[in-house]
Amino acid sequence: MQDAGGKSRRLQRILLPVVVFITTGLLDTMIKYVESSFIHPANHNQYLIVTFFIAFFGGFLGMIFQLASGKAKFQPKAILAGIAIGIPNYFSIWFLVKVLAAYKENSSVILPVNNMGIVLFSAIVAWLLFREKLSKLNWAGIALSIIAILLIALGAS
């Protein structure tokens, strides 16, 4: 007989990939819609700056709430980590919007290659820099993502 904690973990293992899949799809759809409907060369940077400021402000409010409620303790290194993550995130979206604008008809190629590239890059960085142990299943996923990127890229040309 399985305990309630085991059922909860099993449900999380099933739901997490589904939630990530759906939210990533919604995010990609939103980025493409905003890029094609609202962004033009004159407001490209303003849009991204406002978007990232809103994200910063939301995170800041969340941090203040957690500090005030005692659920978290202030750690200066967390601020540095947030900046270290935020800068590459900003430029990844900046470049993605630029590429989507330059190749308007190829978003069905650009978005999946971008997403798989991010996962592939993250896995390799974790393996190289943080000595992450990758299982055979992880390596199979890396190989499949490389093959998928190649097939999508070659099929687009």
Protein backbone atom coordinates (compact mmCIF):
# COMPACT_ATOMS: atom_id res chain seq x y z
CA MET A 1 0.00 0.00 0.00
CA GLN A 2 1.33 3.42 -0.95
CA ASP A 3 1.20 6.34 1.50
CA ALA A 4 -0.29 9.75 0.68
CA GLY A 5 3.20 11.25 0.28
CA GLY A 6 4.07 8.66 -2.35
CA LYS A 7 0.89 9.36 -4.31
CA SER A 8 1.57 13.08 -4.11
CA ARG A 9 5.13 12.66 -5.45
CA ARG A 10 3.91 10.41 -8.25
CA LEU A 11 1.25 12.96 -9.20
CA GLN A 12 3.89 15.71 -9.19
CA ARG A 13 6.10 13.64 -11.50
CA ILE A 14 3.21 13.34 -13.93
CA LEU A 15 1.87 16.88 -13.66
CA LEU A 16 5.17 18.80 -13.70
CA PRO A 17 6.11 17.92 -17.30
CA VAL A 18 2.53 18.64 -18.41
CA VAL A 19 2.53 22.04 -16.69
CA VAL A 20 5.98 22.90 -18.12
CA PHE A 21 4.85 21.83 -21.61
CA ILE A 22 1.68 23.93 -21.47
CA THR A 23 3.27 27.03 -19.93
CA THR A 24 6.22 26.93 -22.32
CA GLY A 25 3.82 26.68 -25.25
CA LEU A 26 1.81 29.61 -23.91
CA LEU A 27 4.97 31.66 -23.39
CA ASP A 28 6.22 30.91 -26.92
CA THR A 29 2.80 31.77 -28.35
CA MET A 30 2.68 35.02 -26.40
CA ILE A 31 6.21 36.03 -27.48
CA LYS A 32 5.40 35.34 -31.14
CA TYR A 33 2.05 37.16 -30.93
CA VAL A 34 3.55 40.23 -29.25
CA GLU A 35 6.50 40.23 -31.67
CA SER A 36 4.27 40.10 -34.73
CA SER A 37 1.51 42.42 -33.45
CA PHE A 38 3.14 45.08 -31.31
CA ILE A 39 6.92 45.18 -31.59
CA HIS A 40 8.68 47.21 -34.23
CA PRO A 41 12.28 48.48 -34.37
CA ALA A 42 11.41 51.72 -32.58
CA ASN A 43 9.94 50.05 -29.46
CA HIS A 44 11.81 46.72 -29.34
CA ASN A 45 14.02 47.60 -26.38
CA GLN A 46 11.29 49.44 -24.45
CA TYR A 47 9.00 46.41 -24.61
CA LEU A 48 11.67 44.09 -23.22
CA ILE A 49 12.78 46.56 -20.55
CA VAL A 50 9.20 47.03 -19.32
CA THR A 51 8.57 43.28 -19.39
CA PHE A 52 11.68 42.50 -17.38
CA PHE A 53 11.00 45.37 -14.97
CA ILE A 54 7.54 43.94 -14.27
CA ALA A 55 9.12 40.53 -13.63
CA PHE A 56 11.71 42.14 -11.34
CA PHE A 57 9.03 44.08 -9.47
CA GLY A 58 6.91 40.95 -9.00
CA GLY A 59 9.92 39.02 -7.72
CA PHE A 60 10.85 41.91 -5.44
CA LEU A 61 7.35 42.02 -3.94
CA GLY A 62 7.45 38.24 -3.48
CA MET A 63 10.82 38.52 -1.73
CA ILE A 64 9.54 41.30 0.57
CA PHE A 65 6.49 39.19 1.45
CA GLN A 66 8.63 36.13 2.24
CA LEU A 67 11.08 38.18 4.31
CA ALA A 68 8.26 39.88 6.24
CA SER A 69 6.51 36.58 6.93
CA GLY A 70 9.73 34.91 8.07
CA LYS A 71 9.59 32.26 5.32
CA ALA A 72 12.92 33.41 3.92
CA LYS A 73 16.10 35.02 5.14
CA PHE A 74 17.89 37.76 3.21
CA GLN A 75 20.98 36.48 1.42
CA PRO A 76 23.03 38.94 -0.67
CA LYS A 77 24.30 36.08 -2.85
CA ALA A 78 20.68 35.46 -3.95
CA ILE A 79 20.57 39.00 -5.37
CA LEU A 80 23.80 38.32 -7.28
CA ALA A 81 22.44 34.99 -8.52
CA GLY A 82 19.25 36.72 -9.69
CA ILE A 83 21.29 39.27 -11.64
CA ALA A 84 23.52 36.52 -13.05
CA ILE A 85 20.43 34.66 -14.28
CA GLY A 86 18.50 37.77 -15.33
CA ILE A 87 21.12 39.16 -17.70
CA PRO A 88 21.36 36.05 -19.91
CA ASN A 89 17.55 35.68 -19.77
CA TYR A 90 17.09 39.24 -20.98
CA PHE A 91 19.46 38.77 -23.89
CA SER A 92 18.04 35.36 -24.77
CA ILE A 93 14.59 36.92 -25.17
CA TRP A 94 16.12 39.94 -26.95
CA PHE A 95 17.80 37.68 -29.50
CA LEU A 96 14.74 35.44 -29.82
CA VAL A 97 12.52 38.42 -30.66
CA LYS A 98 15.13 39.67 -33.16
CA VAL A 99 15.29 36.26 -34.87
CA LEU A 100 11.50 35.92 -34.94
CA ALA A 101 11.25 39.36 -36.57
CA ALA A 102 13.96 38.55 -39.12
CA TYR A 103 12.47 35.17 -40.08
CA LYS A 104 8.73 35.82 -39.67
CA GLU A 105 7.64 32.69 -41.53
CA ASN A 106 9.91 30.28 -39.60
CA SER A 107 8.66 30.54 -36.03
CA SER A 108 7.64 26.87 -36.16
CA VAL A 109 11.33 26.07 -36.65
CA ILE A 110 12.87 28.78 -34.46
CA LEU A 111 10.85 28.14 -31.29
CA PRO A 112 11.40 24.37 -30.92
CA VAL A 113 15.09 24.65 -31.84
CA ASN A 114 15.45 27.46 -29.30
CA ASN A 115 13.73 25.45 -26.55
CA MET A 116 15.67 22.25 -27.22
CA GLY A 117 18.88 24.25 -27.48
CA ILE A 118 18.28 25.77 -24.05
CA VAL A 119 17.65 22.36 -22.46
CA LEU A 120 20.66 20.86 -24.25
CA PHE A 121 22.93 23.75 -23.26
CA SER A 122 21.72 23.65 -19.64
CA ALA A 123 22.33 19.90 -19.36
CA ILE A 124 25.84 20.19 -20.79
CA VAL A 125 26.71 23.17 -18.55
CA ALA A 126 25.40 21.29 -15.49
CA TRP A 127 27.48 18.27 -16.47
CA LEU A 128 30.66 20.26 -17.15
CA LEU A 129 30.56 22.96 -14.47
CA PHE A 130 28.60 21.38 -11.65
CA ARG A 131 29.61 17.75 -12.19
CA GLU A 132 25.95 16.78 -12.56
CA LYS A 133 25.62 13.03 -12.92
CA LEU A 134 23.71 12.24 -16.08
CA SER A 135 22.00 8.88 -16.41
CA LYS A 136 21.78 6.85 -19.60
CA LEU A 137 18.28 8.25 -20.02
CA ASN A 138 19.67 11.80 -19.73
CA TRP A 139 22.32 11.08 -22.38
CA ALA A 140 19.68 9.51 -24.61
CA GLY A 141 17.61 12.69 -24.23
CA ILE A 142 20.63 14.82 -25.15
CA ALA A 143 21.28 12.68 -28.22
CA LEU A 144 17.60 12.83 -29.25
CA SER A 145 17.53 16.60 -28.83
CA ILE A 146 20.59 17.00 -31.06
CA ILE A 147 18.99 14.75 -33.68
CA ALA A 148 15.68 16.66 -33.40
CA ILE A 149 17.44 20.03 -33.80
CA LEU A 150 19.26 18.74 -36.87
CA LEU A 151 16.10 17.29 -38.41
CA ILE A 152 14.09 20.46 -37.80
CA ALA A 153 16.87 22.70 -39.09
CA LEU A 154 17.51 20.58 -42.18
CA GLY A 155 13.80 20.22 -42.88
CA ALA A 156 13.37 24.00 -42.82
CA SER A 157 15.90 24.62 -45.57
